[in-house]
Amino acid sequence: MFGRLMPHEGRFFDLFKELAELILQGSRELHALMGTLDDVERRRYNIETLEKKGDKVTHATVDLLHRTFITPLDRNDIHQLITNMDDILDLVEDSAQSISMFDVRAVPPDAVRLTELCVGCAEKVKAAVELLPNMRNARTILEVCTEIDKLESEADHLMRTSMAKLFRDEPDVRQLIKLRTVYLLLEEMTDRCEDVANIIEGIVLENA
């Protein structure tokens, strides 16, 4: 009886959605950057701006978590979800900064395809987060999480084959090092999306 009278803060879901939208915007900007290498500095700046907004959302979520007595989800789940989502956006920024800092002039098609998979993962993360407030969506949420897992597996396979091709065919050691770094960052981005999917699956299984 007493617990039902305590504040039950639902704004967490709005913050999850806000951060998911920033992740999607950032991944699309990164895909555009990698696809054309056109106006790299402007696109890098745009991504850095999105990442700063994401940091504010993450800090607001953690602050709200400290100030809320009764939360709509397990406190650790909220913290894990928001911090792992923030990690995705950090990796988007790291990837854009690497292209700029290393002065990459040419990007292999496989790297562009990896950014497409990153966008796909970001779209699915956003879809899952938007469904999360209502556990009647449990089945659909789990299906979306499965789709994220499939995209991550595809990215992992593509990264391995691309890396093998890079070490076999790239004669310029400096270019090899640059592209290897970019490949690893992009693949790690999909790993973090899978981590978010796993957290969401756990939340659904606990609350549905």
N, C-alpha and C. Protein backbone atom coordinates (compact mmCIF):
# COMPACT_ATOMS: atom_id res chain seq x y z
N MET A 1 0.84 -1.20 0.00
CA MET A 1 0.00 0.00 0.00
C MET A 1 0.88 1.25 0.00
N PHE A 2 1.88 1.26 0.91
CA PHE A 2 2.75 2.43 1.03
C PHE A 2 3.49 2.68 -0.28
N GLY A 3 4.00 1.58 -0.89
CA GLY A 3 4.77 1.72 -2.11
C GLY A 3 3.99 2.36 -3.23
N ARG A 4 2.68 2.09 -3.30
CA ARG A 4 1.86 2.63 -4.37
C ARG A 4 1.70 4.13 -4.26
N LEU A 5 1.94 4.68 -3.06
CA LEU A 5 1.78 6.12 -2.84
C LEU A 5 3.07 6.89 -3.13
N MET A 6 4.18 6.18 -3.33
CA MET A 6 5.45 6.84 -3.56
C MET A 6 5.56 7.29 -5.02
N PRO A 7 6.36 8.32 -5.29
CA PRO A 7 6.51 8.79 -6.68
C PRO A 7 7.06 7.71 -7.59
N HIS A 8 6.53 7.62 -8.80
CA HIS A 8 6.94 6.61 -9.78
C HIS A 8 7.31 7.36 -11.06
N GLU A 9 8.60 7.62 -11.26
CA GLU A 9 9.06 8.50 -12.31
C GLU A 9 9.13 7.79 -13.66
N GLY A 10 8.32 8.25 -14.61
CA GLY A 10 8.30 7.65 -15.93
C GLY A 10 9.12 8.41 -16.96
N ARG A 11 9.76 9.49 -16.57
CA ARG A 11 10.51 10.30 -17.53
C ARG A 11 11.74 9.57 -18.06
N PHE A 12 12.14 8.51 -17.40
CA PHE A 12 13.28 7.73 -17.88
C PHE A 12 13.07 7.29 -19.33
N PHE A 13 11.87 6.88 -19.66
CA PHE A 13 11.60 6.40 -21.01
C PHE A 13 11.77 7.51 -22.04
N ASP A 14 11.39 8.73 -21.67
CA ASP A 14 11.58 9.86 -22.58
C ASP A 14 13.06 10.12 -22.82
N LEU A 15 13.86 9.96 -21.78
CA LEU A 15 15.30 10.16 -21.92
C LEU A 15 15.93 9.06 -22.77
N PHE A 16 15.46 7.82 -22.60
CA PHE A 16 15.95 6.73 -23.45
C PHE A 16 15.66 7.04 -24.93
N LYS A 17 14.43 7.49 -25.19
CA LYS A 17 14.04 7.80 -26.56
C LYS A 17 14.87 8.94 -27.14
N GLU A 18 15.12 9.95 -26.30
CA GLU A 18 15.90 11.10 -26.76
C GLU A 18 17.31 10.68 -27.15
N LEU A 19 17.92 9.84 -26.33
CA LEU A 19 19.28 9.39 -26.63
C LEU A 19 19.30 8.47 -27.85
N ALA A 20 18.28 7.62 -27.99
CA ALA A 20 18.20 6.74 -29.15
C ALA A 20 18.10 7.54 -30.45
N GLU A 21 17.36 8.63 -30.42
CA GLU A 21 17.23 9.49 -31.60
C GLU A 21 18.57 10.13 -31.94
N LEU A 22 19.32 10.56 -30.94
CA LEU A 22 20.64 11.14 -31.18
C LEU A 22 21.60 10.12 -31.77
N ILE A 23 21.52 8.88 -31.29
CA ILE A 23 22.35 7.80 -31.84
C ILE A 23 22.04 7.59 -33.31
N LEU A 24 20.76 7.58 -33.64
CA LEU A 24 20.36 7.38 -35.03
C LEU A 24 20.83 8.53 -35.91
N GLN A 25 20.66 9.76 -35.44
CA GLN A 25 21.14 10.91 -36.21
C GLN A 25 22.64 10.84 -36.42
N GLY A 26 23.37 10.49 -35.37
CA GLY A 26 24.82 10.41 -35.46
C GLY A 26 25.28 9.32 -36.42
N SER A 27 24.63 8.16 -36.38
CA SER A 27 25.03 7.06 -37.27
C SER A 27 24.73 7.40 -38.72
N ARG A 28 23.64 8.10 -38.97
CA ARG A 28 23.32 8.51 -40.34
C ARG A 28 24.32 9.55 -40.84
N GLU A 29 24.72 10.44 -39.96
CA GLU A 29 25.72 11.45 -40.35
C GLU A 29 27.07 10.77 -40.64
N LEU A 30 27.40 9.78 -39.84
CA LEU A 30 28.65 9.04 -40.07
C LEU A 30 28.60 8.29 -41.40
N HIS A 31 27.47 7.69 -41.70
CA HIS A 31 27.32 6.98 -42.97
C HIS A 31 27.48 7.94 -44.15
N ALA A 32 26.91 9.13 -44.03
CA ALA A 32 27.05 10.13 -45.08
C ALA A 32 28.50 10.56 -45.23
N LEU A 33 29.19 10.72 -44.10
CA LEU A 33 30.60 11.11 -44.13
C LEU A 33 31.44 10.04 -44.83
N MET A 34 31.23 8.78 -44.43
CA MET A 34 32.02 7.69 -44.98
C MET A 34 31.69 7.43 -46.44
N GLY A 35 30.44 7.67 -46.80
CA GLY A 35 30.01 7.37 -48.16
C GLY A 35 30.62 8.27 -49.22
N THR A 36 30.88 9.52 -48.84
CA THR A 36 31.37 10.48 -49.84
C THR A 36 32.69 11.14 -49.47
N LEU A 37 33.05 11.11 -48.18
CA LEU A 37 34.20 11.87 -47.67
C LEU A 37 34.11 13.33 -48.11
N ASP A 38 32.86 13.81 -48.16
CA ASP A 38 32.59 15.17 -48.58
C ASP A 38 32.29 16.02 -47.35
N ASP A 39 32.97 17.14 -47.23
CA ASP A 39 32.73 18.06 -46.10
C ASP A 39 32.93 17.34 -44.76
N VAL A 40 34.05 16.67 -44.64
CA VAL A 40 34.34 15.85 -43.46
C VAL A 40 34.28 16.65 -42.17
N GLU A 41 34.87 17.85 -42.16
CA GLU A 41 34.95 18.62 -40.91
C GLU A 41 33.57 19.08 -40.45
N ARG A 42 32.71 19.44 -41.38
CA ARG A 42 31.36 19.86 -40.99
C ARG A 42 30.59 18.68 -40.40
N ARG A 43 30.71 17.54 -41.05
CA ARG A 43 30.00 16.36 -40.55
C ARG A 43 30.58 15.90 -39.21
N ARG A 44 31.89 15.98 -39.07
CA ARG A 44 32.50 15.65 -37.77
C ARG A 44 31.98 16.56 -36.68
N TYR A 45 31.89 17.85 -36.99
CA TYR A 45 31.36 18.80 -36.02
C TYR A 45 29.92 18.48 -35.65
N ASN A 46 29.13 18.13 -36.65
CA ASN A 46 27.73 17.76 -36.39
C ASN A 46 27.64 16.58 -35.44
N ILE A 47 28.50 15.59 -35.67
CA ILE A 47 28.50 14.39 -34.82
C ILE A 47 28.96 14.74 -33.40
N GLU A 48 29.98 15.58 -33.29
CA GLU A 48 30.44 16.00 -31.96
C GLU A 48 29.34 16.75 -31.21
N THR A 49 28.56 17.54 -31.92
CA THR A 49 27.44 18.26 -31.30
C THR A 49 26.40 17.27 -30.79
N LEU A 50 26.10 16.26 -31.59
CA LEU A 50 25.15 15.23 -31.17
C LEU A 50 25.67 14.47 -29.95
N GLU A 51 26.97 14.19 -29.94
CA GLU A 51 27.55 13.45 -28.81
C GLU A 51 27.47 14.27 -27.53
N LYS A 52 27.69 15.58 -27.62
CA LYS A 52 27.58 16.44 -26.43
C LYS A 52 26.14 16.46 -25.91
N LYS A 53 25.18 16.51 -26.84
CA LYS A 53 23.77 16.42 -26.42
C LYS A 53 23.49 15.08 -25.74
N GLY A 54 24.09 14.03 -26.27
CA GLY A 54 23.92 12.71 -25.68
C GLY A 54 24.48 12.64 -24.27
N ASP A 55 25.63 13.28 -24.05
CA ASP A 55 26.20 13.32 -22.70
C ASP A 55 25.25 13.99 -21.72
N LYS A 56 24.59 15.05 -22.17
CA LYS A 56 23.65 15.76 -21.30
C LYS A 56 22.45 14.88 -20.95
N VAL A 57 21.98 14.12 -21.93
CA VAL A 57 20.86 13.20 -21.68
C VAL A 57 21.29 12.12 -20.69
N THR A 58 22.49 11.59 -20.87
CA THR A 58 22.99 10.56 -19.97
C THR A 58 23.13 11.09 -18.55
N HIS A 59 23.70 12.28 -18.41
CA HIS A 59 23.87 12.88 -17.09
C HIS A 59 22.52 13.17 -16.45
N ALA A 60 21.56 13.62 -17.25
CA ALA A 60 20.22 13.89 -16.73
C ALA A 60 19.57 12.61 -16.23
N THR A 61 19.80 11.52 -16.94
CA THR A 61 19.22 10.23 -16.54
C THR A 61 19.82 9.74 -15.23
N VAL A 62 21.13 9.83 -15.11
CA VAL A 62 21.80 9.39 -13.89
C VAL A 62 21.37 10.27 -12.71
N ASP A 63 21.26 11.59 -12.95
CA ASP A 63 20.81 12.50 -11.89
C ASP A 63 19.38 12.16 -11.47
N LEU A 64 18.51 11.90 -12.44
CA LEU A 64 17.13 11.53 -12.12
C LEU A 64 17.09 10.22 -11.34
N LEU A 65 17.98 9.31 -11.69
CA LEU A 65 18.03 8.03 -10.99
C LEU A 65 18.38 8.22 -9.52
N HIS A 66 19.28 9.16 -9.24
CA HIS A 66 19.67 9.44 -7.86
C HIS A 66 18.53 10.11 -7.08
N ARG A 67 17.66 10.84 -7.79
CA ARG A 67 16.61 11.60 -7.12
C ARG A 67 15.27 10.87 -7.06
N THR A 68 15.18 9.71 -7.67
CA THR A 68 13.90 9.00 -7.74
C THR A 68 13.91 7.82 -6.79
N PHE A 69 12.88 7.77 -5.95
CA PHE A 69 12.81 6.71 -4.93
C PHE A 69 12.32 5.40 -5.54
N ILE A 70 11.24 5.47 -6.32
CA ILE A 70 10.70 4.29 -6.98
C ILE A 70 10.83 4.49 -8.49
N THR A 71 11.56 3.59 -9.13
CA THR A 71 11.82 3.70 -10.57
C THR A 71 10.96 2.70 -11.34
N PRO A 72 10.64 3.00 -12.60
CA PRO A 72 9.78 2.11 -13.38
C PRO A 72 10.46 0.79 -13.76
N LEU A 73 11.80 0.80 -13.74
CA LEU A 73 12.59 -0.39 -14.02
C LEU A 73 13.64 -0.55 -12.93
N ASP A 74 14.26 -1.69 -12.89
CA ASP A 74 15.36 -1.90 -11.94
C ASP A 74 16.42 -0.82 -12.11
N ARG A 75 16.90 -0.30 -11.03
CA ARG A 75 17.84 0.83 -11.07
C ARG A 75 19.10 0.48 -11.86
N ASN A 76 19.62 -0.71 -11.66
CA ASN A 76 20.81 -1.12 -12.39
C ASN A 76 20.53 -1.24 -13.88
N ASP A 77 19.35 -1.72 -14.24
CA ASP A 77 18.98 -1.83 -15.66
C ASP A 77 18.95 -0.45 -16.31
N ILE A 78 18.38 0.52 -15.61
CA ILE A 78 18.33 1.89 -16.14
C ILE A 78 19.74 2.42 -16.36
N HIS A 79 20.59 2.23 -15.38
CA HIS A 79 21.97 2.74 -15.48
C HIS A 79 22.72 2.04 -16.60
N GLN A 80 22.59 0.73 -16.68
CA GLN A 80 23.28 -0.02 -17.72
C GLN A 80 22.79 0.36 -19.11
N LEU A 81 21.48 0.54 -19.25
CA LEU A 81 20.91 0.87 -20.56
C LEU A 81 21.39 2.23 -21.04
N ILE A 82 21.31 3.24 -20.18
CA ILE A 82 21.66 4.59 -20.62
C ILE A 82 23.16 4.71 -20.88
N THR A 83 23.99 4.06 -20.07
CA THR A 83 25.43 4.17 -20.26
C THR A 83 25.89 3.41 -21.51
N ASN A 84 25.28 2.27 -21.79
CA ASN A 84 25.64 1.53 -23.00
C ASN A 84 25.16 2.26 -24.25
N MET A 85 24.01 2.90 -24.19
CA MET A 85 23.56 3.72 -25.31
C MET A 85 24.51 4.89 -25.53
N ASP A 86 24.97 5.49 -24.45
CA ASP A 86 25.93 6.59 -24.55
C ASP A 86 27.24 6.12 -25.18
N ASP A 87 27.64 4.88 -24.88
CA ASP A 87 28.85 4.32 -25.47
C ASP A 87 28.73 4.23 -26.99
N ILE A 88 27.54 3.91 -27.49
CA ILE A 88 27.34 3.83 -28.95
C ILE A 88 27.64 5.19 -29.58
N LEU A 89 27.08 6.23 -28.99
CA LEU A 89 27.27 7.58 -29.55
C LEU A 89 28.73 8.01 -29.44
N ASP A 90 29.39 7.61 -28.37
CA ASP A 90 30.83 7.90 -28.24
C ASP A 90 31.61 7.27 -29.39
N LEU A 91 31.25 6.05 -29.77
CA LEU A 91 31.95 5.35 -30.84
C LEU A 91 31.66 5.98 -32.20
N VAL A 92 30.45 6.50 -32.38
CA VAL A 92 30.15 7.26 -33.59
C VAL A 92 31.10 8.45 -33.70
N GLU A 93 31.25 9.16 -32.59
CA GLU A 93 32.15 10.32 -32.58
C GLU A 93 33.60 9.88 -32.82
N ASP A 94 34.04 8.81 -32.16
CA ASP A 94 35.41 8.33 -32.33
C ASP A 94 35.69 7.97 -33.79
N SER A 95 34.71 7.37 -34.45
CA SER A 95 34.89 6.98 -35.85
C SER A 95 35.05 8.20 -36.74
N ALA A 96 34.20 9.20 -36.53
CA ALA A 96 34.29 10.43 -37.33
C ALA A 96 35.60 11.16 -37.07
N GLN A 97 36.01 11.21 -35.82
CA GLN A 97 37.27 11.87 -35.49
C GLN A 97 38.47 11.15 -36.11
N SER A 98 38.39 9.82 -36.18
CA SER A 98 39.48 9.05 -36.78
C SER A 98 39.63 9.37 -38.26
N ILE A 99 38.50 9.45 -38.97
CA ILE A 99 38.54 9.79 -40.39
C ILE A 99 39.18 11.16 -40.59
N SER A 100 38.81 12.11 -39.73
CA SER A 100 39.35 13.46 -39.83
C SER A 100 40.81 13.52 -39.40
N MET A 101 41.12 12.95 -38.27
CA MET A 101 42.47 13.03 -37.70
C MET A 101 43.49 12.30 -38.57
N PHE A 102 43.10 11.15 -39.12
CA PHE A 102 44.02 10.37 -39.95
C PHE A 102 44.05 10.86 -41.40
N ASP A 103 43.20 11.84 -41.71
CA ASP A 103 43.15 12.39 -43.07
C ASP A 103 42.93 11.27 -44.09
N VAL A 104 41.90 10.45 -43.81
CA VAL A 104 41.57 9.34 -44.71
C VAL A 104 40.98 9.92 -46.00
N ARG A 105 41.58 9.55 -47.12
CA ARG A 105 41.15 10.11 -48.41
C ARG A 105 40.30 9.15 -49.23
N ALA A 106 40.35 7.86 -48.87
CA ALA A 106 39.58 6.85 -49.60
C ALA A 106 39.09 5.80 -48.62
N VAL A 107 37.83 5.42 -48.76
CA VAL A 107 37.22 4.44 -47.87
C VAL A 107 36.74 3.24 -48.69
N PRO A 108 37.17 2.02 -48.35
CA PRO A 108 36.72 0.84 -49.09
C PRO A 108 35.21 0.65 -48.96
N PRO A 109 34.59 0.04 -49.97
CA PRO A 109 33.14 -0.23 -49.91
C PRO A 109 32.73 -1.01 -48.66
N ASP A 110 33.59 -1.91 -48.19
CA ASP A 110 33.24 -2.69 -46.99
C ASP A 110 33.06 -1.78 -45.77
N ALA A 111 33.87 -0.74 -45.68
CA ALA A 111 33.74 0.18 -44.55
C ALA A 111 32.43 0.95 -44.63
N VAL A 112 32.06 1.33 -45.85
CA VAL A 112 30.77 2.01 -46.03
C VAL A 112 29.63 1.07 -45.66
N ARG A 113 29.75 -0.19 -46.05
CA ARG A 113 28.73 -1.19 -45.71
C ARG A 113 28.63 -1.35 -44.19
N LEU A 114 29.76 -1.30 -43.51
CA LEU A 114 29.73 -1.38 -42.04
C LEU A 114 28.94 -0.22 -41.45
N THR A 115 29.09 0.97 -42.01
CA THR A 115 28.31 2.10 -41.49
C THR A 115 26.83 1.91 -41.76
N GLU A 116 26.48 1.25 -42.89
CA GLU A 116 25.07 0.94 -43.15
C GLU A 116 24.52 0.01 -42.07
N LEU A 117 25.32 -0.97 -41.68
CA LEU A 117 24.90 -1.89 -40.62
C LEU A 117 24.77 -1.15 -39.28
N CYS A 118 25.66 -0.18 -39.06
CA CYS A 118 25.56 0.64 -37.84
C CYS A 118 24.25 1.43 -37.82
N VAL A 119 23.89 1.99 -38.98
CA VAL A 119 22.61 2.71 -39.07
C VAL A 119 21.45 1.76 -38.81
N GLY A 120 21.52 0.56 -39.39
CA GLY A 120 20.47 -0.42 -39.16
C GLY A 120 20.32 -0.78 -37.70
N CYS A 121 21.45 -0.98 -37.03
CA CYS A 121 21.41 -1.27 -35.59
C CYS A 121 20.81 -0.11 -34.81
N ALA A 122 21.20 1.11 -35.16
CA ALA A 122 20.67 2.30 -34.48
C ALA A 122 19.17 2.42 -34.66
N GLU A 123 18.69 2.12 -35.86
CA GLU A 123 17.24 2.16 -36.11
C GLU A 123 16.52 1.16 -35.23
N LYS A 124 17.09 -0.04 -35.08
CA LYS A 124 16.45 -1.07 -34.27
C LYS A 124 16.51 -0.74 -32.78
N VAL A 125 17.63 -0.14 -32.34
CA VAL A 125 17.72 0.29 -30.94
C VAL A 125 16.63 1.32 -30.64
N LYS A 126 16.46 2.26 -31.54
CA LYS A 126 15.42 3.28 -31.36
C LYS A 126 14.04 2.63 -31.33
N ALA A 127 13.79 1.68 -32.21
CA ALA A 127 12.49 1.00 -32.24
C ALA A 127 12.23 0.26 -30.93
N ALA A 128 13.23 -0.45 -30.43
CA ALA A 128 13.06 -1.21 -29.18
C ALA A 128 12.80 -0.29 -28.00
N VAL A 129 13.56 0.81 -27.94
CA VAL A 129 13.42 1.75 -26.83
C VAL A 129 12.03 2.40 -26.84
N GLU A 130 11.53 2.71 -28.02
CA GLU A 130 10.21 3.34 -28.12
C GLU A 130 9.09 2.40 -27.68
N LEU A 131 9.31 1.10 -27.81
CA LEU A 131 8.30 0.12 -27.39
C LEU A 131 8.40 -0.23 -25.91
N LEU A 132 9.51 0.11 -25.29
CA LEU A 132 9.82 -0.35 -23.94
C LEU A 132 8.83 0.07 -22.85
N PRO A 133 8.22 1.26 -22.94
CA PRO A 133 7.32 1.66 -21.84
C PRO A 133 6.11 0.75 -21.64
N ASN A 134 5.73 -0.02 -22.65
CA ASN A 134 4.54 -0.86 -22.55
C ASN A 134 4.94 -2.32 -22.73
N MET A 135 4.85 -3.10 -21.65
CA MET A 135 5.26 -4.49 -21.71
C MET A 135 4.30 -5.37 -22.50
N ARG A 136 3.20 -4.80 -22.97
CA ARG A 136 2.37 -5.55 -23.91
C ARG A 136 3.08 -5.68 -25.26
N ASN A 137 4.14 -4.90 -25.43
CA ASN A 137 4.95 -4.97 -26.64
C ASN A 137 6.08 -5.98 -26.52
N ALA A 138 6.05 -6.80 -25.48
CA ALA A 138 7.19 -7.67 -25.17
C ALA A 138 7.64 -8.52 -26.35
N ARG A 139 6.70 -9.18 -27.02
CA ARG A 139 7.06 -10.05 -28.13
C ARG A 139 7.76 -9.27 -29.25
N THR A 140 7.19 -8.10 -29.58
CA THR A 140 7.77 -7.27 -30.65
C THR A 140 9.15 -6.77 -30.25
N ILE A 141 9.31 -6.37 -29.00
CA ILE A 141 10.62 -5.89 -28.52
C ILE A 141 11.67 -6.99 -28.68
N LEU A 142 11.32 -8.20 -28.28
CA LEU A 142 12.26 -9.31 -28.38
C LEU A 142 12.61 -9.61 -29.84
N GLU A 143 11.64 -9.46 -30.72
CA GLU A 143 11.90 -9.66 -32.15
C GLU A 143 12.87 -8.60 -32.68
N VAL A 144 12.70 -7.37 -32.24
CA VAL A 144 13.62 -6.29 -32.66
C VAL A 144 15.02 -6.56 -32.13
N CYS A 145 15.11 -7.03 -30.90
CA CYS A 145 16.43 -7.34 -30.33
C CYS A 145 17.11 -8.47 -31.10
N THR A 146 16.34 -9.44 -31.55
CA THR A 146 16.89 -10.51 -32.38
C THR A 146 17.43 -9.95 -33.69
N GLU A 147 16.74 -8.99 -34.26
CA GLU A 147 17.20 -8.35 -35.50
C GLU A 147 18.52 -7.62 -35.27
N ILE A 148 18.68 -6.99 -34.11
CA ILE A 148 19.95 -6.33 -33.78
C ILE A 148 21.07 -7.36 -33.71
N ASP A 149 20.79 -8.50 -33.09
CA ASP A 149 21.79 -9.57 -33.00
C ASP A 149 22.23 -10.03 -34.39
N LYS A 150 21.27 -10.14 -35.31
CA LYS A 150 21.60 -10.58 -36.67
C LYS A 150 22.47 -9.55 -37.39
N LEU A 151 22.15 -8.27 -37.20
CA LEU A 151 22.95 -7.22 -37.82
C LEU A 151 24.37 -7.21 -37.25
N GLU A 152 24.49 -7.43 -35.95
CA GLU A 152 25.81 -7.47 -35.33
C GLU A 152 26.62 -8.65 -35.86
N SER A 153 25.97 -9.78 -36.04
CA SER A 153 26.67 -10.96 -36.58
C SER A 153 27.15 -10.69 -38.00
N GLU A 154 26.31 -10.02 -38.80
CA GLU A 154 26.70 -9.67 -40.16
C GLU A 154 27.90 -8.71 -40.13
N ALA A 155 27.86 -7.74 -39.24
CA ALA A 155 28.96 -6.79 -39.13
C ALA A 155 30.25 -7.49 -38.69
N ASP A 156 30.14 -8.43 -37.78
CA ASP A 156 31.31 -9.17 -37.30
C ASP A 156 31.93 -9.97 -38.45
N HIS A 157 31.10 -10.63 -39.23
CA HIS A 157 31.61 -11.41 -40.37
C HIS A 157 32.25 -10.49 -41.40
N LEU A 158 31.59 -9.36 -41.69
CA LEU A 158 32.12 -8.42 -42.67
C LEU A 158 33.44 -7.83 -42.21
N MET A 159 33.56 -7.53 -40.93
CA MET A 159 34.79 -6.97 -40.41
C MET A 159 35.95 -7.96 -40.55
N ARG A 160 35.70 -9.24 -40.28
CA ARG A 160 36.76 -10.24 -40.39
C ARG A 160 37.23 -10.39 -41.85
N THR A 161 36.29 -10.48 -42.77
CA THR A 161 36.67 -10.64 -44.18
C THR A 161 37.34 -9.37 -44.71
N SER A 162 36.85 -8.22 -44.25
CA SER A 162 37.43 -6.95 -44.70
C SER A 162 38.85 -6.78 -44.17
N MET A 163 39.05 -7.19 -42.93
CA MET A 163 40.37 -7.07 -42.33
C MET A 163 41.37 -7.99 -43.05
N ALA A 164 40.92 -9.20 -43.39
CA ALA A 164 41.79 -10.12 -44.12
C ALA A 164 42.17 -9.53 -45.48
N LYS A 165 41.18 -8.94 -46.14
CA LYS A 165 41.42 -8.32 -47.44
C LYS A 165 42.38 -7.14 -47.31
N LEU A 166 42.20 -6.38 -46.24
CA LEU A 166 43.04 -5.21 -46.02
C LEU A 166 44.51 -5.61 -45.84
N PHE A 167 44.76 -6.62 -45.00
CA PHE A 167 46.13 -7.05 -44.74
C PHE A 167 46.74 -7.74 -45.96
N ARG A 168 45.90 -8.32 -46.78
CA ARG A 168 46.41 -9.00 -47.97
C ARG A 168 46.71 -8.04 -49.10
N ASP A 169 45.88 -7.00 -49.26
CA ASP A 169 45.94 -6.19 -50.48
C ASP A 169 46.48 -4.78 -50.31
N GLU A 170 46.48 -4.25 -49.08
CA GLU A 170 46.89 -2.86 -48.89
C GLU A 170 48.41 -2.75 -48.75
N PRO A 171 49.10 -2.13 -49.71
CA PRO A 171 50.56 -2.04 -49.65
C PRO A 171 51.08 -0.93 -48.73
N ASP A 172 50.24 0.07 -48.49
CA ASP A 172 50.66 1.22 -47.69
C ASP A 172 50.36 0.92 -46.21
N VAL A 173 51.43 0.78 -45.42
CA VAL A 173 51.27 0.41 -44.01
C VAL A 173 50.48 1.48 -43.24
N ARG A 174 50.74 2.74 -43.55
CA ARG A 174 50.01 3.81 -42.85
C ARG A 174 48.52 3.75 -43.15
N GLN A 175 48.18 3.52 -44.41
CA GLN A 175 46.77 3.40 -44.77
C GLN A 175 46.15 2.17 -44.10
N LEU A 176 46.89 1.09 -44.02
CA LEU A 176 46.41 -0.12 -43.35
C LEU A 176 46.06 0.16 -41.89
N ILE A 177 46.96 0.86 -41.20
CA ILE A 177 46.75 1.16 -39.78
C ILE A 177 45.51 2.06 -39.60
N LYS A 178 45.38 3.05 -40.48
CA LYS A 178 44.24 3.96 -40.41
C LYS A 178 42.92 3.20 -40.58
N LEU A 179 42.85 2.41 -41.64
CA LEU A 179 41.60 1.72 -41.94
C LEU A 179 41.29 0.62 -40.91
N ARG A 180 42.33 -0.03 -40.41
CA ARG A 180 42.12 -1.03 -39.36
C ARG A 180 41.45 -0.39 -38.15
N THR A 181 41.91 0.78 -37.76
CA THR A 181 41.31 1.49 -36.63
C THR A 181 39.85 1.80 -36.88
N VAL A 182 39.55 2.27 -38.09
CA VAL A 182 38.17 2.62 -38.44
C VAL A 182 37.29 1.38 -38.43
N TYR A 183 37.78 0.29 -39.03
CA TYR A 183 37.01 -0.95 -39.03
C TYR A 183 36.67 -1.41 -37.61
N LEU A 184 37.66 -1.37 -36.74
CA LEU A 184 37.45 -1.84 -35.37
C LEU A 184 36.43 -0.98 -34.63
N LEU A 185 36.49 0.33 -34.84
CA LEU A 185 35.53 1.23 -34.19
C LEU A 185 34.11 0.96 -34.68
N LEU A 186 33.96 0.76 -35.97
CA LEU A 186 32.63 0.51 -36.53
C LEU A 186 32.06 -0.81 -36.03
N GLU A 187 32.90 -1.83 -35.99
CA GLU A 187 32.43 -3.13 -35.52
C GLU A 187 32.08 -3.08 -34.04
N GLU A 188 32.88 -2.33 -33.27
CA GLU A 188 32.59 -2.17 -31.85
C GLU A 188 31.26 -1.46 -31.63
N MET A 189 30.93 -0.55 -32.54
CA MET A 189 29.65 0.14 -32.45
C MET A 189 28.49 -0.85 -32.52
N THR A 190 28.58 -1.81 -33.43
CA THR A 190 27.52 -2.81 -33.51
C THR A 190 27.54 -3.73 -32.28
N ASP A 191 28.72 -3.97 -31.71
CA ASP A 191 28.80 -4.75 -30.47
C ASP A 191 28.04 -4.06 -29.35
N ARG A 192 28.22 -2.73 -29.24
CA ARG A 192 27.53 -2.00 -28.18
C ARG A 192 26.01 -2.01 -28.42
N CYS A 193 25.60 -1.97 -29.68
CA CYS A 193 24.16 -2.07 -29.98
C CYS A 193 23.62 -3.43 -29.53
N GLU A 194 24.42 -4.46 -29.73
CA GLU A 194 24.00 -5.79 -29.27
C GLU A 194 23.93 -5.83 -27.74
N ASP A 195 24.87 -5.16 -27.07
CA ASP A 195 24.82 -5.08 -25.61
C ASP A 195 23.53 -4.42 -25.16
N VAL A 196 23.15 -3.34 -25.83
CA VAL A 196 21.89 -2.66 -25.50
C VAL A 196 20.71 -3.60 -25.72
N ALA A 197 20.74 -4.35 -26.82
CA ALA A 197 19.67 -5.31 -27.09
C ALA A 197 19.58 -6.36 -25.98
N ASN A 198 20.73 -6.83 -25.50
CA ASN A 198 20.74 -7.82 -24.43
C ASN A 198 20.17 -7.25 -23.13
N ILE A 199 20.48 -6.00 -22.85
CA ILE A 199 19.93 -5.34 -21.65
C ILE A 199 18.42 -5.22 -21.77
N ILE A 200 17.96 -4.81 -22.94
CA ILE A 200 16.52 -4.66 -23.14
C ILE A 200 15.81 -6.01 -23.05
N GLU A 201 16.42 -7.06 -23.60
CA GLU A 201 15.83 -8.39 -23.48
C GLU A 201 15.68 -8.79 -22.01
N GLY A 202 16.72 -8.49 -21.22
CA GLY A 202 16.65 -8.80 -19.80
C GLY A 202 15.54 -8.04 -19.09
N ILE A 203 15.37 -6.75 -19.45
CA ILE A 203 14.31 -5.94 -18.87
C ILE A 203 12.94 -6.53 -19.21
N VAL A 204 12.77 -6.93 -20.46
CA VAL A 204 11.50 -7.51 -20.88
C VAL A 204 11.22 -8.81 -20.13
N LEU A 205 12.20 -9.67 -20.03
CA LEU A 205 12.00 -10.95 -19.35
C LEU A 205 11.69 -10.76 -17.86
N GLU A 206 12.22 -9.71 -17.27
CA GLU A 206 11.97 -9.44 -15.86
C GLU A 206 10.60 -8.80 -15.62
N ASN A 207 10.10 -8.05 -16.60
CA ASN A 207 8.92 -7.23 -16.35
C ASN A 207 7.67 -7.61 -17.13
N ALA A 208 7.80 -8.43 -18.17
CA ALA A 208 6.63 -8.76 -19.00
C ALA A 208 5.69 -9.71 -18.26
